[in-house]
């Protein structure tokens, strides 16, 4: 159920904002998270301004859909 809400928000955000400025690694990470049933911690790291904006939109959409902040796949970890 939660993953379906996330998928819907993701599809809507892509429709609204498009893929301009979103790198392949960012797209792949988001899609891998969804393909895992939103179970994997894929640590999708927004690197460009467009990716950060997209991630912010997704976090807000997720919160509006009743998802906890710990549900989100976004993280930038130091190596």
N, C-alpha and C. Protein backbone atom coordinates (compact mmCIF):
# COMPACT_ATOMS: atom_id res chain seq x y z
N UNK A 1 0.82 -1.19 0.00
CA UNK A 1 0.00 0.00 0.00
C UNK A 1 0.87 1.26 0.00
N UNK A 2 1.85 1.33 0.92
CA UNK A 2 2.72 2.51 0.98
C UNK A 2 3.51 2.65 -0.31
N UNK A 3 4.00 1.54 -0.82
CA UNK A 3 4.82 1.60 -2.03
C UNK A 3 3.97 2.04 -3.23
N UNK A 4 2.72 1.64 -3.26
CA UNK A 4 1.83 2.09 -4.34
C UNK A 4 1.66 3.61 -4.30
N UNK A 5 1.52 4.15 -3.08
CA UNK A 5 1.39 5.61 -2.94
C UNK A 5 2.67 6.30 -3.39
N UNK A 6 3.82 5.70 -3.02
CA UNK A 6 5.11 6.27 -3.42
C UNK A 6 5.25 6.23 -4.95
N UNK A 7 4.91 5.10 -5.54
CA UNK A 7 5.00 4.94 -7.00
C UNK A 7 4.12 5.97 -7.71
N UNK A 8 2.91 6.16 -7.22
CA UNK A 8 2.01 7.15 -7.83
C UNK A 8 2.60 8.55 -7.74
N UNK A 9 3.16 8.89 -6.58
CA UNK A 9 3.76 10.21 -6.40
C UNK A 9 4.98 10.37 -7.31
N UNK A 10 5.76 9.31 -7.45
CA UNK A 10 6.95 9.34 -8.32
C UNK A 10 6.54 9.55 -9.78
N UNK A 11 5.56 8.79 -10.23
CA UNK A 11 5.08 8.93 -11.61
C UNK A 11 4.54 10.34 -11.86
N UNK A 12 3.79 10.87 -10.91
CA UNK A 12 3.23 12.22 -11.04
C UNK A 12 4.33 13.27 -11.07
N UNK A 13 5.34 13.13 -10.23
CA UNK A 13 6.46 14.09 -10.20
C UNK A 13 7.23 14.06 -11.52
N UNK A 14 7.45 12.87 -12.07
CA UNK A 14 8.13 12.78 -13.37
C UNK A 14 7.30 13.45 -14.46
N UNK A 15 5.99 13.26 -14.41
CA UNK A 15 5.11 13.88 -15.39
C UNK A 15 5.16 15.41 -15.29
N UNK A 16 5.11 15.90 -14.08
CA UNK A 16 5.09 17.35 -13.84
C UNK A 16 6.42 18.03 -14.12
N UNK A 17 7.51 17.43 -13.66
CA UNK A 17 8.81 18.09 -13.72
C UNK A 17 9.73 17.56 -14.81
N UNK A 18 9.43 16.39 -15.33
CA UNK A 18 10.26 15.79 -16.37
C UNK A 18 11.57 15.26 -15.81
N UNK A 19 12.44 14.83 -16.72
CA UNK A 19 13.71 14.21 -16.34
C UNK A 19 14.90 15.14 -16.53
N UNK A 20 14.64 16.35 -16.99
CA UNK A 20 15.75 17.28 -17.24
C UNK A 20 16.51 17.54 -15.94
N UNK A 21 17.82 17.32 -16.00
CA UNK A 21 18.68 17.54 -14.85
C UNK A 21 18.77 16.36 -13.90
N UNK A 22 18.00 15.30 -14.18
CA UNK A 22 18.05 14.10 -13.35
C UNK A 22 19.00 13.10 -13.99
N UNK A 23 20.05 12.75 -13.27
CA UNK A 23 21.04 11.82 -13.79
C UNK A 23 20.52 10.39 -13.81
N UNK A 24 21.16 9.57 -14.62
CA UNK A 24 20.75 8.17 -14.74
C UNK A 24 20.86 7.43 -13.40
N UNK A 25 21.90 7.72 -12.63
CA UNK A 25 22.08 7.07 -11.33
C UNK A 25 20.91 7.41 -10.39
N UNK A 26 20.46 8.65 -10.43
CA UNK A 26 19.34 9.09 -9.60
C UNK A 26 18.05 8.37 -10.02
N UNK A 27 17.78 8.33 -11.31
CA UNK A 27 16.58 7.65 -11.83
C UNK A 27 16.64 6.16 -11.49
N UNK A 28 17.78 5.54 -11.75
CA UNK A 28 17.95 4.11 -11.48
C UNK A 28 17.75 3.80 -10.01
N UNK A 29 18.28 4.64 -9.13
CA UNK A 29 18.11 4.43 -7.69
C UNK A 29 16.66 4.50 -7.26
N UNK A 30 15.95 5.50 -7.78
CA UNK A 30 14.53 5.62 -7.46
C UNK A 30 13.75 4.41 -7.96
N UNK A 31 14.02 4.00 -9.18
CA UNK A 31 13.28 2.88 -9.77
C UNK A 31 13.64 1.55 -9.10
N UNK A 32 14.89 1.40 -8.64
CA UNK A 32 15.29 0.19 -7.91
C UNK A 32 14.56 0.13 -6.57
N UNK A 33 14.43 1.27 -5.93
CA UNK A 33 13.69 1.33 -4.66
C UNK A 33 12.25 0.88 -4.86
N UNK A 34 11.61 1.37 -5.90
CA UNK A 34 10.22 1.00 -6.18
C UNK A 34 10.13 -0.47 -6.57
N UNK A 35 11.06 -0.94 -7.42
CA UNK A 35 11.05 -2.34 -7.87
C UNK A 35 11.22 -3.32 -6.70
N UNK A 36 11.89 -2.87 -5.63
CA UNK A 36 12.10 -3.74 -4.46
C UNK A 36 10.87 -3.76 -3.56
N UNK A 37 9.79 -3.12 -3.99
CA UNK A 37 8.62 -3.00 -3.14
C UNK A 37 8.83 -1.96 -2.06
N UNK A 38 9.75 -1.03 -2.36
CA UNK A 38 10.13 0.06 -1.43
C UNK A 38 10.75 -0.50 -0.16
N UNK A 39 11.46 -1.62 -0.31
CA UNK A 39 12.10 -2.26 0.84
C UNK A 39 13.60 -2.01 0.90
N UNK A 40 14.24 -1.87 -0.26
CA UNK A 40 15.70 -1.72 -0.26
C UNK A 40 16.09 -0.32 0.19
N UNK A 41 17.20 -0.22 0.84
CA UNK A 41 17.75 1.08 1.22
C UNK A 41 18.78 1.43 0.16
N UNK A 42 18.30 1.94 -0.95
CA UNK A 42 19.18 2.18 -2.09
C UNK A 42 19.99 3.46 -1.97
N UNK A 43 19.76 4.25 -0.92
CA UNK A 43 20.51 5.49 -0.71
C UNK A 43 20.64 6.32 -1.98
N UNK A 44 19.54 6.80 -2.46
CA UNK A 44 19.52 7.66 -3.64
C UNK A 44 20.01 9.04 -3.20
N UNK A 45 21.12 9.48 -3.78
CA UNK A 45 21.72 10.75 -3.38
C UNK A 45 21.50 11.81 -4.45
N UNK A 46 20.68 12.83 -4.15
CA UNK A 46 20.49 13.92 -5.12
C UNK A 46 21.76 14.76 -5.22
N UNK A 47 22.26 14.94 -6.44
CA UNK A 47 23.52 15.67 -6.63
C UNK A 47 23.33 17.01 -7.35
N UNK A 48 22.41 17.08 -8.27
CA UNK A 48 22.19 18.34 -8.99
C UNK A 48 21.05 19.11 -8.32
N UNK A 49 20.90 20.37 -8.67
CA UNK A 49 19.80 21.18 -8.14
C UNK A 49 18.46 20.56 -8.52
N UNK A 50 18.36 20.05 -9.73
CA UNK A 50 17.10 19.42 -10.18
C UNK A 50 16.81 18.15 -9.38
N UNK A 51 17.84 17.36 -9.10
CA UNK A 51 17.64 16.16 -8.30
C UNK A 51 17.22 16.50 -6.88
N UNK A 52 17.83 17.52 -6.31
CA UNK A 52 17.47 17.94 -4.95
C UNK A 52 16.02 18.45 -4.93
N UNK A 53 15.64 19.21 -5.93
CA UNK A 53 14.26 19.69 -6.01
C UNK A 53 13.29 18.51 -6.14
N UNK A 54 13.63 17.55 -7.00
CA UNK A 54 12.78 16.38 -7.19
C UNK A 54 12.65 15.60 -5.88
N UNK A 55 13.77 15.40 -5.18
CA UNK A 55 13.75 14.68 -3.91
C UNK A 55 12.89 15.42 -2.89
N UNK A 56 13.01 16.75 -2.84
CA UNK A 56 12.19 17.54 -1.92
C UNK A 56 10.70 17.40 -2.23
N UNK A 57 10.38 17.42 -3.52
CA UNK A 57 8.98 17.23 -3.93
C UNK A 57 8.49 15.85 -3.50
N UNK A 58 9.33 14.84 -3.68
CA UNK A 58 8.95 13.48 -3.31
C UNK A 58 8.78 13.34 -1.80
N UNK A 59 9.64 13.97 -1.03
CA UNK A 59 9.51 13.90 0.43
C UNK A 59 8.19 14.54 0.86
N UNK A 60 7.88 15.69 0.30
CA UNK A 60 6.61 16.35 0.64
C UNK A 60 5.41 15.49 0.21
N UNK A 61 5.48 14.92 -0.99
CA UNK A 61 4.40 14.06 -1.47
C UNK A 61 4.26 12.83 -0.57
N UNK A 62 5.39 12.27 -0.17
CA UNK A 62 5.36 11.12 0.72
C UNK A 62 4.75 11.45 2.07
N UNK A 63 5.13 12.58 2.63
CA UNK A 63 4.58 13.00 3.91
C UNK A 63 3.07 13.25 3.78
N UNK A 64 2.66 13.88 2.68
CA UNK A 64 1.24 14.12 2.44
C UNK A 64 0.46 12.82 2.27
N UNK A 65 1.15 11.76 1.81
CA UNK A 65 0.50 10.46 1.62
C UNK A 65 0.55 9.61 2.89
N UNK A 66 1.08 10.20 3.98
CA UNK A 66 1.10 9.49 5.25
C UNK A 66 2.30 8.59 5.45
N UNK A 67 3.36 8.79 4.66
CA UNK A 67 4.56 7.98 4.79
C UNK A 67 5.52 8.65 5.77
N UNK A 68 6.19 7.85 6.57
CA UNK A 68 7.15 8.38 7.54
C UNK A 68 8.42 8.83 6.83
N UNK A 69 9.13 9.76 7.43
CA UNK A 69 10.37 10.26 6.82
C UNK A 69 11.41 9.16 6.68
N UNK A 70 11.34 8.13 7.51
CA UNK A 70 12.29 7.02 7.41
C UNK A 70 12.00 6.12 6.21
N UNK A 71 10.85 6.29 5.58
CA UNK A 71 10.48 5.51 4.41
C UNK A 71 11.26 5.94 3.18
N UNK A 72 11.64 7.19 3.11
CA UNK A 72 12.24 7.79 1.91
C UNK A 72 13.60 7.15 1.58
N UNK A 73 13.91 7.02 0.29
CA UNK A 73 15.18 6.40 -0.11
C UNK A 73 16.34 7.38 -0.20
N UNK A 74 16.13 8.64 0.13
CA UNK A 74 17.16 9.66 -0.10
C UNK A 74 18.16 9.76 1.04
N UNK A 75 19.43 9.59 0.69
CA UNK A 75 20.52 9.73 1.64
C UNK A 75 21.82 9.89 0.86
N UNK A 76 22.70 10.70 1.38
CA UNK A 76 24.05 10.87 0.81
C UNK A 76 25.04 10.52 1.89
N UNK A 77 25.61 9.36 1.80
CA UNK A 77 26.54 8.88 2.82
C UNK A 77 27.97 9.14 2.38
N UNK A 78 28.79 9.47 3.34
CA UNK A 78 30.23 9.66 3.06
C UNK A 78 30.88 8.30 2.93
N UNK A 79 31.79 8.19 1.99
CA UNK A 79 32.49 6.90 1.78
C UNK A 79 33.55 6.68 2.81
